[in-house]
């Protein structure tokens, strides 16, 4: 018996049709869209900035607390009066930089949406951290930040 071998010719090779290629491209596009919706990079960046804001609010409040502990209960002179509306932590609002930096915090953090970076010592140039501070009637201090996720004002705050 002879083994019949088929001759390899171009007629024996079959390629993909245009329809098959378009269907595969369509499926890949649908899967890529689903992945982008699931990952949602813009939302991830907003959440990352809110996490940084929470960390900054805690750092500022810890520095104020350390100042109060070292000064026998006296609050920094730039703090707003009790029951007053929140004051921005800036050179024109609650000016805390000269009393907190660098002894209690290496530099005042700034909202991550602002590109200027932290406020280093000495605090001689105008600054605005985009954070707010207030004191209630019982002497409790609250530091606020405007978060992005979910949208709202002063939705990041820590009180001590």
N, C-alpha and C. Protein backbone atom coordinates (compact mmCIF):
# COMPACT_ATOMS: atom_id res chain seq x y z
N UNK A 1 0.82 -1.18 0.00
CA UNK A 1 0.00 0.00 0.00
C UNK A 1 0.87 1.24 0.00
N UNK A 2 0.42 2.08 -0.76
CA UNK A 2 1.13 3.35 -0.86
C UNK A 2 0.46 4.38 0.03
N UNK A 3 1.30 5.12 0.72
CA UNK A 3 0.77 6.26 1.47
C UNK A 3 0.54 7.39 0.49
N UNK A 4 -0.68 7.79 0.48
CA UNK A 4 -0.97 8.90 -0.41
C UNK A 4 -0.76 10.20 0.36
N UNK A 5 0.15 10.93 -0.06
CA UNK A 5 0.42 12.22 0.56
C UNK A 5 -0.18 13.31 -0.31
N UNK A 6 -0.84 14.20 0.37
CA UNK A 6 -1.42 15.31 -0.37
C UNK A 6 -0.32 16.30 -0.67
N UNK A 7 -0.38 16.80 -1.80
CA UNK A 7 0.58 17.83 -2.16
C UNK A 7 0.14 19.13 -1.52
N UNK A 8 1.11 19.79 -0.94
CA UNK A 8 0.82 21.06 -0.31
C UNK A 8 0.80 22.15 -1.38
N UNK A 9 -0.33 22.70 -1.52
CA UNK A 9 -0.48 23.80 -2.49
C UNK A 9 -1.21 24.93 -1.80
N UNK A 10 -1.24 26.01 -2.45
CA UNK A 10 -1.93 27.16 -1.89
C UNK A 10 -3.42 26.90 -1.76
N UNK A 11 -3.96 25.99 -2.48
CA UNK A 11 -5.38 25.70 -2.41
C UNK A 11 -5.75 25.03 -1.08
N UNK A 12 -4.79 24.36 -0.44
CA UNK A 12 -5.07 23.66 0.80
C UNK A 12 -5.06 24.58 2.02
N UNK A 13 -4.46 25.75 1.92
CA UNK A 13 -4.42 26.70 3.04
C UNK A 13 -5.65 27.59 3.00
N UNK A 14 -6.26 27.66 4.15
CA UNK A 14 -7.47 28.46 4.22
C UNK A 14 -7.21 29.63 5.16
N UNK A 15 -7.51 30.83 4.79
CA UNK A 15 -7.31 32.01 5.61
C UNK A 15 -8.61 32.41 6.30
N UNK A 16 -8.53 33.51 7.06
CA UNK A 16 -9.71 34.02 7.73
C UNK A 16 -10.48 34.92 6.78
N UNK A 17 -11.76 34.86 6.89
CA UNK A 17 -12.57 35.76 6.08
C UNK A 17 -12.66 37.11 6.77
N UNK A 18 -13.09 38.08 6.04
CA UNK A 18 -13.24 39.42 6.57
C UNK A 18 -14.24 39.45 7.72
N UNK A 19 -15.30 38.70 7.60
CA UNK A 19 -16.33 38.64 8.65
C UNK A 19 -15.73 38.09 9.94
N UNK A 20 -14.95 37.03 9.85
CA UNK A 20 -14.36 36.43 11.04
C UNK A 20 -13.42 37.42 11.73
N UNK A 21 -12.65 38.15 10.98
CA UNK A 21 -11.74 39.13 11.55
C UNK A 21 -12.52 40.25 12.24
N UNK A 22 -13.58 40.73 11.61
CA UNK A 22 -14.39 41.79 12.20
C UNK A 22 -15.08 41.32 13.48
N UNK A 23 -15.52 40.07 13.52
CA UNK A 23 -16.16 39.55 14.73
C UNK A 23 -15.15 39.50 15.88
N UNK A 24 -13.94 39.05 15.61
CA UNK A 24 -12.91 38.98 16.64
C UNK A 24 -12.56 40.38 17.14
N UNK A 25 -12.42 41.34 16.24
CA UNK A 25 -12.12 42.72 16.65
C UNK A 25 -13.27 43.27 17.49
N UNK A 26 -14.50 42.99 17.13
CA UNK A 26 -15.66 43.44 17.91
C UNK A 26 -15.66 42.85 19.31
N UNK A 27 -15.36 41.56 19.43
CA UNK A 27 -15.32 40.91 20.74
C UNK A 27 -14.21 41.52 21.60
N UNK A 28 -13.05 41.77 21.02
CA UNK A 28 -11.95 42.39 21.76
C UNK A 28 -12.34 43.79 22.22
N UNK A 29 -13.02 44.56 21.37
CA UNK A 29 -13.44 45.91 21.75
C UNK A 29 -14.44 45.87 22.90
N UNK A 30 -15.37 44.93 22.88
CA UNK A 30 -16.35 44.81 23.96
C UNK A 30 -15.65 44.43 25.26
N UNK A 31 -14.73 43.49 25.22
CA UNK A 31 -13.99 43.09 26.42
C UNK A 31 -13.14 44.24 26.97
N UNK A 32 -12.51 45.00 26.08
CA UNK A 32 -11.70 46.13 26.53
C UNK A 32 -12.58 47.18 27.20
N UNK A 33 -13.76 47.42 26.66
CA UNK A 33 -14.68 48.38 27.26
C UNK A 33 -15.12 47.93 28.64
N UNK A 34 -15.42 46.66 28.80
CA UNK A 34 -15.83 46.13 30.10
C UNK A 34 -14.70 46.28 31.12
N UNK A 35 -13.49 45.99 30.70
CA UNK A 35 -12.34 46.11 31.61
C UNK A 35 -12.13 47.56 32.02
N UNK A 36 -12.22 48.50 31.08
CA UNK A 36 -12.04 49.91 31.42
C UNK A 36 -13.12 50.41 32.35
N UNK A 37 -14.35 49.95 32.16
CA UNK A 37 -15.43 50.35 33.06
C UNK A 37 -15.19 49.78 34.45
N UNK A 38 -14.75 48.54 34.52
CA UNK A 38 -14.51 47.90 35.82
C UNK A 38 -13.35 48.57 36.56
N UNK A 39 -12.31 48.92 35.85
CA UNK A 39 -11.14 49.53 36.49
C UNK A 39 -11.39 51.01 36.76
N UNK A 40 -11.96 51.74 35.83
CA UNK A 40 -12.29 53.16 35.93
C UNK A 40 -11.13 53.96 36.53
N UNK A 41 -10.12 54.24 35.74
CA UNK A 41 -8.93 54.92 36.26
C UNK A 41 -9.21 56.28 36.88
N UNK A 42 -10.15 57.02 36.34
CA UNK A 42 -10.44 58.35 36.91
C UNK A 42 -10.94 58.21 38.34
N UNK A 43 -11.81 57.23 38.59
CA UNK A 43 -12.32 57.01 39.95
C UNK A 43 -11.20 56.56 40.87
N UNK A 44 -10.31 55.73 40.36
CA UNK A 44 -9.17 55.27 41.17
C UNK A 44 -8.29 56.45 41.58
N UNK A 45 -8.05 57.41 40.67
CA UNK A 45 -7.25 58.58 41.00
C UNK A 45 -7.97 59.46 42.02
N UNK A 46 -9.30 59.62 41.89
CA UNK A 46 -10.05 60.40 42.87
C UNK A 46 -9.95 59.76 44.25
N UNK A 47 -10.09 58.45 44.32
CA UNK A 47 -9.98 57.76 45.61
C UNK A 47 -8.57 57.89 46.19
N UNK A 48 -7.56 57.84 45.34
CA UNK A 48 -6.18 57.99 45.82
C UNK A 48 -5.95 59.39 46.39
N UNK A 49 -6.49 60.42 45.72
CA UNK A 49 -6.34 61.78 46.25
C UNK A 49 -7.10 61.93 47.57
N UNK A 50 -8.26 61.30 47.70
CA UNK A 50 -9.01 61.37 48.96
C UNK A 50 -8.25 60.66 50.08
N UNK A 51 -7.60 59.57 49.78
CA UNK A 51 -6.78 58.89 50.77
C UNK A 51 -5.63 59.79 51.23
N UNK A 52 -5.02 60.49 50.28
CA UNK A 52 -3.95 61.43 50.63
C UNK A 52 -4.50 62.57 51.48
N UNK A 53 -5.69 63.06 51.16
CA UNK A 53 -6.30 64.12 51.97
C UNK A 53 -6.55 63.64 53.40
N UNK A 54 -7.05 62.43 53.55
CA UNK A 54 -7.30 61.88 54.89
C UNK A 54 -6.00 61.79 55.68
N UNK A 55 -4.95 61.35 55.04
CA UNK A 55 -3.64 61.28 55.69
C UNK A 55 -3.15 62.67 56.08
N UNK A 56 -3.32 63.65 55.20
CA UNK A 56 -2.88 65.02 55.49
C UNK A 56 -3.67 65.62 56.65
N UNK A 57 -4.99 65.38 56.68
CA UNK A 57 -5.83 65.90 57.77
C UNK A 57 -5.38 65.32 59.10
N UNK A 58 -5.10 64.02 59.12
CA UNK A 58 -4.60 63.39 60.35
C UNK A 58 -3.25 63.96 60.76
N UNK A 59 -2.36 64.19 59.81
CA UNK A 59 -1.04 64.73 60.13
C UNK A 59 -1.15 66.14 60.72
N UNK A 60 -2.01 66.97 60.14
CA UNK A 60 -2.18 68.33 60.66
C UNK A 60 -2.75 68.28 62.07
N UNK A 61 -3.77 67.45 62.28
CA UNK A 61 -4.40 67.36 63.60
C UNK A 61 -3.43 66.78 64.63
N UNK A 62 -2.61 65.82 64.24
CA UNK A 62 -1.60 65.29 65.16
C UNK A 62 -0.59 66.37 65.55
N UNK A 63 -0.18 67.20 64.59
CA UNK A 63 0.77 68.27 64.88
C UNK A 63 0.15 69.29 65.85
N UNK A 64 -1.14 69.62 65.63
CA UNK A 64 -1.81 70.54 66.54
C UNK A 64 -1.90 69.93 67.93
N UNK A 65 -2.22 68.64 68.00
CA UNK A 65 -2.30 67.95 69.29
C UNK A 65 -0.97 67.93 70.02
N UNK A 66 0.12 67.70 69.29
CA UNK A 66 1.44 67.72 69.91
C UNK A 66 1.80 69.12 70.41
N UNK A 67 1.42 70.14 69.64
CA UNK A 67 1.65 71.52 70.08
C UNK A 67 0.91 71.79 71.38
N UNK A 68 -0.35 71.39 71.45
CA UNK A 68 -1.17 71.61 72.65
C UNK A 68 -0.56 70.87 73.85
N UNK A 69 -0.10 69.64 73.63
CA UNK A 69 0.50 68.87 74.72
C UNK A 69 1.79 69.52 75.22
N UNK A 70 2.60 70.04 74.32
CA UNK A 70 3.86 70.68 74.72
C UNK A 70 3.65 72.05 75.37
N UNK A 71 2.52 72.69 75.12
CA UNK A 71 2.28 74.04 75.61
C UNK A 71 1.18 74.08 76.67
N UNK A 72 1.06 73.01 77.43
CA UNK A 72 0.16 72.92 78.58
C UNK A 72 -1.29 73.30 78.26
N UNK A 73 -1.77 72.80 77.14
CA UNK A 73 -3.17 73.00 76.78
C UNK A 73 -3.45 74.24 75.95
N UNK A 74 -2.47 75.05 75.68
CA UNK A 74 -2.68 76.25 74.87
C UNK A 74 -2.71 75.86 73.39
N UNK A 75 -3.70 76.35 72.69
CA UNK A 75 -3.80 76.06 71.26
C UNK A 75 -2.95 77.06 70.49
N UNK A 76 -2.56 76.71 69.26
CA UNK A 76 -1.79 77.68 68.46
C UNK A 76 -2.57 78.97 68.29
N UNK A 77 -1.88 80.07 68.25
CA UNK A 77 -2.55 81.37 68.21
C UNK A 77 -3.34 81.61 66.94
N UNK A 78 -3.07 80.89 65.90
CA UNK A 78 -3.80 81.08 64.65
C UNK A 78 -5.13 80.34 64.58
N UNK A 79 -5.45 79.56 65.61
CA UNK A 79 -6.69 78.77 65.60
C UNK A 79 -7.91 79.68 65.68
N UNK A 80 -9.01 79.30 65.01
CA UNK A 80 -10.23 80.10 65.10
C UNK A 80 -10.85 79.98 66.49
N UNK A 81 -11.65 80.98 66.86
CA UNK A 81 -12.33 80.98 68.15
C UNK A 81 -13.36 79.85 68.19
N UNK A 82 -13.70 79.42 69.41
CA UNK A 82 -14.67 78.34 69.57
C UNK A 82 -15.99 78.73 68.93
N UNK A 83 -16.63 77.74 68.31
CA UNK A 83 -17.94 77.87 67.66
C UNK A 83 -17.90 78.80 66.46
N UNK A 84 -16.74 79.23 66.01
CA UNK A 84 -16.64 80.03 64.79
C UNK A 84 -16.71 79.10 63.59
N UNK A 85 -16.98 79.66 62.44
CA UNK A 85 -17.01 78.84 61.24
C UNK A 85 -15.58 78.39 60.90
N UNK A 86 -15.45 77.29 60.17
CA UNK A 86 -14.10 76.80 59.85
C UNK A 86 -13.26 77.85 59.13
N UNK A 87 -12.00 77.92 59.50
CA UNK A 87 -11.07 78.85 58.87
C UNK A 87 -10.12 78.07 57.98
N UNK A 88 -9.78 78.62 56.82
CA UNK A 88 -8.80 77.93 55.98
C UNK A 88 -7.42 77.99 56.63
N UNK A 89 -6.68 76.91 56.49
CA UNK A 89 -5.30 76.89 56.99
C UNK A 89 -4.45 77.55 55.91
N UNK A 90 -4.21 78.83 56.10
CA UNK A 90 -3.47 79.63 55.13
C UNK A 90 -2.84 80.81 55.85
N UNK A 91 -2.05 81.57 55.12
CA UNK A 91 -1.42 82.73 55.73
C UNK A 91 -2.44 83.81 56.08
N UNK A 92 -3.60 83.81 55.42
CA UNK A 92 -4.62 84.82 55.71
C UNK A 92 -5.74 84.28 56.60
N UNK A 93 -5.76 82.97 56.87
CA UNK A 93 -6.78 82.37 57.73
C UNK A 93 -6.16 81.92 59.04
N UNK A 94 -6.28 80.63 59.32
CA UNK A 94 -5.65 80.05 60.50
C UNK A 94 -4.18 79.83 60.19
N UNK A 95 -3.36 80.79 60.52
CA UNK A 95 -1.93 80.74 60.19
C UNK A 95 -1.21 79.88 61.22
N UNK A 96 -1.09 78.59 60.92
CA UNK A 96 -0.49 77.63 61.85
C UNK A 96 0.93 77.26 61.46
N UNK A 97 1.36 77.69 60.32
CA UNK A 97 2.64 77.24 59.78
C UNK A 97 3.82 77.57 60.69
N UNK A 98 3.92 78.80 61.14
CA UNK A 98 5.09 79.20 61.92
C UNK A 98 5.15 78.49 63.27
N UNK A 99 4.00 78.08 63.81
CA UNK A 99 4.00 77.42 65.11
C UNK A 99 4.16 75.91 65.01
N UNK A 100 3.80 75.32 63.88
CA UNK A 100 3.86 73.86 63.75
C UNK A 100 5.07 73.36 62.97
N UNK A 101 5.54 74.14 62.00
CA UNK A 101 6.63 73.70 61.12
C UNK A 101 7.92 74.29 61.64
N UNK A 102 9.00 73.60 61.76
CA UNK A 102 9.28 72.20 61.53
C UNK A 102 9.25 71.34 62.79
N UNK A 103 8.89 71.93 63.95
CA UNK A 103 8.98 71.19 65.20
C UNK A 103 7.97 70.05 65.29
N UNK A 104 6.73 70.27 64.88
CA UNK A 104 5.68 69.27 65.04
C UNK A 104 5.33 68.54 63.75
N UNK A 105 5.64 69.14 62.64
CA UNK A 105 5.43 68.52 61.33
C UNK A 105 6.49 69.11 60.40
N UNK A 106 7.09 68.29 59.56
CA UNK A 106 8.21 68.77 58.75
C UNK A 106 7.79 69.86 57.77
N UNK A 107 6.61 69.76 57.21
CA UNK A 107 6.07 70.80 56.34
C UNK A 107 4.55 70.63 56.32
N UNK A 108 3.84 71.73 56.14
CA UNK A 108 2.38 71.65 56.09
C UNK A 108 1.97 71.02 54.77
N UNK A 109 1.18 69.95 54.83
CA UNK A 109 0.74 69.33 53.58
C UNK A 109 -0.29 70.19 52.87
N UNK A 110 -0.34 70.05 51.56
CA UNK A 110 -1.26 70.79 50.72
C UNK A 110 -2.15 69.78 50.01
N UNK A 111 -3.38 70.18 49.72
CA UNK A 111 -4.32 69.33 49.01
C UNK A 111 -3.66 68.76 47.75
N UNK A 112 -3.83 67.46 47.47
CA UNK A 112 -3.15 66.86 46.31
C UNK A 112 -3.58 67.43 44.96
N UNK A 113 -4.72 68.10 44.90
CA UNK A 113 -5.14 68.71 43.64
C UNK A 113 -4.33 69.97 43.33
N UNK A 114 -3.69 70.54 44.34
CA UNK A 114 -2.86 71.73 44.16
C UNK A 114 -1.46 71.26 43.82
N UNK A 115 -0.84 71.87 42.84
CA UNK A 115 0.46 71.39 42.37
C UNK A 115 1.64 72.06 43.05
N UNK A 116 1.40 72.94 44.03
CA UNK A 116 2.51 73.67 44.63
C UNK A 116 3.34 72.83 45.59
N UNK A 117 2.81 71.73 46.09
CA UNK A 117 3.56 70.89 47.02
C UNK A 117 3.45 71.39 48.45
N UNK A 118 4.07 70.68 49.40
CA UNK A 118 3.97 71.06 50.81
C UNK A 118 4.65 72.39 51.10
N UNK A 119 4.20 73.03 52.20
CA UNK A 119 4.75 74.32 52.60
C UNK A 119 5.91 74.07 53.55
N UNK A 120 7.13 74.33 53.11
CA UNK A 120 8.28 74.08 53.98
C UNK A 120 8.52 75.23 54.95
N UNK A 121 9.44 75.04 55.86
CA UNK A 121 9.84 76.09 56.78
C UNK A 121 10.94 76.90 56.11
N UNK A 122 11.09 78.17 56.30
CA UNK A 122 10.24 79.05 57.09
C UNK A 122 8.99 79.43 56.32
N UNK A 123 7.96 79.76 57.02
CA UNK A 123 6.66 80.05 56.42
C UNK A 123 6.55 81.54 56.09
N UNK A 124 7.42 82.00 55.21
CA UNK A 124 7.45 83.43 54.91
C UNK A 124 6.66 83.78 53.65
N UNK A 125 6.45 82.83 52.77
CA UNK A 125 5.71 83.12 51.54
C UNK A 125 4.22 82.85 51.76
N UNK A 126 3.35 83.53 51.03
CA UNK A 126 1.91 83.25 51.15
C UNK A 126 1.61 81.80 50.80
N UNK A 127 0.70 81.19 51.54
CA UNK A 127 0.36 79.79 51.30
C UNK A 127 -1.11 79.55 51.59
N UNK A 128 -1.63 78.48 51.01
CA UNK A 128 -2.99 78.02 51.27
C UNK A 128 -2.99 76.51 51.11
N UNK A 129 -3.29 75.79 52.18
CA UNK A 129 -3.24 74.33 52.14
C UNK A 129 -4.50 73.72 51.54
N UNK A 130 -5.57 74.48 51.41
CA UNK A 130 -6.88 74.02 50.96
C UNK A 130 -7.57 73.15 52.01
N UNK A 131 -7.06 73.17 53.25
CA UNK A 131 -7.70 72.48 54.37
C UNK A 131 -8.27 73.53 55.31
N UNK A 132 -9.28 73.14 56.10
CA UNK A 132 -9.93 74.04 57.05
C UNK A 132 -9.83 73.49 58.45
N UNK A 133 -9.90 74.38 59.44
CA UNK A 133 -9.83 73.97 60.84
C UNK A 133 -10.89 74.75 61.61
N UNK A 134 -11.47 74.10 62.61
CA UNK A 134 -12.44 74.78 63.47
C UNK A 134 -12.33 74.23 64.89
N UNK A 135 -12.84 75.00 65.83
CA UNK A 135 -12.89 74.60 67.23
C UNK A 135 -14.33 74.71 67.68
N UNK A 136 -14.86 73.67 68.34
CA UNK A 136 -16.24 73.75 68.81
C UNK A 136 -16.28 74.31 70.23
N UNK A 137 -17.48 74.45 70.78
CA UNK A 137 -17.66 75.08 72.10
C UNK A 137 -16.96 74.30 73.21
N UNK A 138 -16.79 72.99 73.04
CA UNK A 138 -16.14 72.20 74.08
C UNK A 138 -14.62 72.12 73.90
N UNK A 139 -14.09 72.83 72.89
CA UNK A 139 -12.65 72.87 72.70
C UNK A 139 -12.11 71.78 71.78
N UNK A 140 -13.00 71.01 71.18
CA UNK A 140 -12.54 69.96 70.25
C UNK A 140 -12.17 70.58 68.91
N UNK A 141 -11.07 70.13 68.37
CA UNK A 141 -10.56 70.68 67.11
C UNK A 141 -10.90 69.72 65.98
N UNK A 142 -11.38 70.28 64.86
CA UNK A 142 -11.70 69.50 63.68
C UNK A 142 -10.95 70.08 62.49
N UNK A 143 -10.32 69.20 61.71
CA UNK A 143 -9.67 69.60 60.47
C UNK A 143 -10.48 68.98 59.33
N UNK A 144 -10.81 69.80 58.32
CA UNK A 144 -11.67 69.39 57.20
C UNK A 144 -10.90 69.41 55.89
N UNK A 145 -11.37 68.59 54.96
CA UNK A 145 -10.89 68.62 53.58
C UNK A 145 -12.07 68.38 52.66
N UNK A 146 -12.04 69.02 51.52
CA UNK A 146 -13.07 68.77 50.51
C UNK A 146 -12.64 67.55 49.70
N UNK A 147 -13.42 66.48 49.81
CA UNK A 147 -13.10 65.26 49.08
C UNK A 147 -13.79 65.21 47.73
N UNK A 148 -13.40 64.23 46.95
CA UNK A 148 -13.97 64.06 45.61
C UNK A 148 -14.87 62.84 45.50
N UNK A 149 -14.78 61.92 46.43
CA UNK A 149 -15.47 60.63 46.27
C UNK A 149 -16.23 60.29 47.52
N UNK A 150 -17.52 60.37 47.62
CA UNK A 150 -18.45 60.98 46.66
C UNK A 150 -18.33 62.49 46.73
N UNK A 151 -18.82 63.15 45.70
CA UNK A 151 -18.70 64.61 45.62
C UNK A 151 -19.41 65.27 46.79
N UNK A 152 -18.79 66.28 47.34
CA UNK A 152 -19.37 67.00 48.47
C UNK A 152 -18.36 67.93 49.08
N UNK A 153 -18.79 68.73 50.03
CA UNK A 153 -17.85 69.64 50.68
C UNK A 153 -17.60 69.17 52.11
N UNK A 154 -16.38 69.32 52.52
CA UNK A 154 -15.96 68.95 53.87
C UNK A 154 -16.38 67.53 54.24
N UNK A 155 -16.30 66.61 53.28
CA UNK A 155 -16.71 65.24 53.59
C UNK A 155 -15.56 64.40 54.14
N UNK A 156 -14.39 65.00 54.31
CA UNK A 156 -13.28 64.35 55.00
C UNK A 156 -12.97 65.21 56.22
N UNK A 157 -13.14 64.66 57.40
CA UNK A 157 -12.86 65.44 58.60
C UNK A 157 -12.42 64.51 59.73
N UNK A 158 -11.60 65.05 60.61
CA UNK A 158 -11.15 64.33 61.78
C UNK A 158 -11.26 65.29 62.97
N UNK A 159 -11.83 64.79 64.07
CA UNK A 159 -12.01 65.62 65.27
C UNK A 159 -11.31 64.97 66.44
N UNK A 160 -10.63 65.78 67.24
CA UNK A 160 -10.03 65.30 68.49
C UNK A 160 -10.16 66.37 69.54
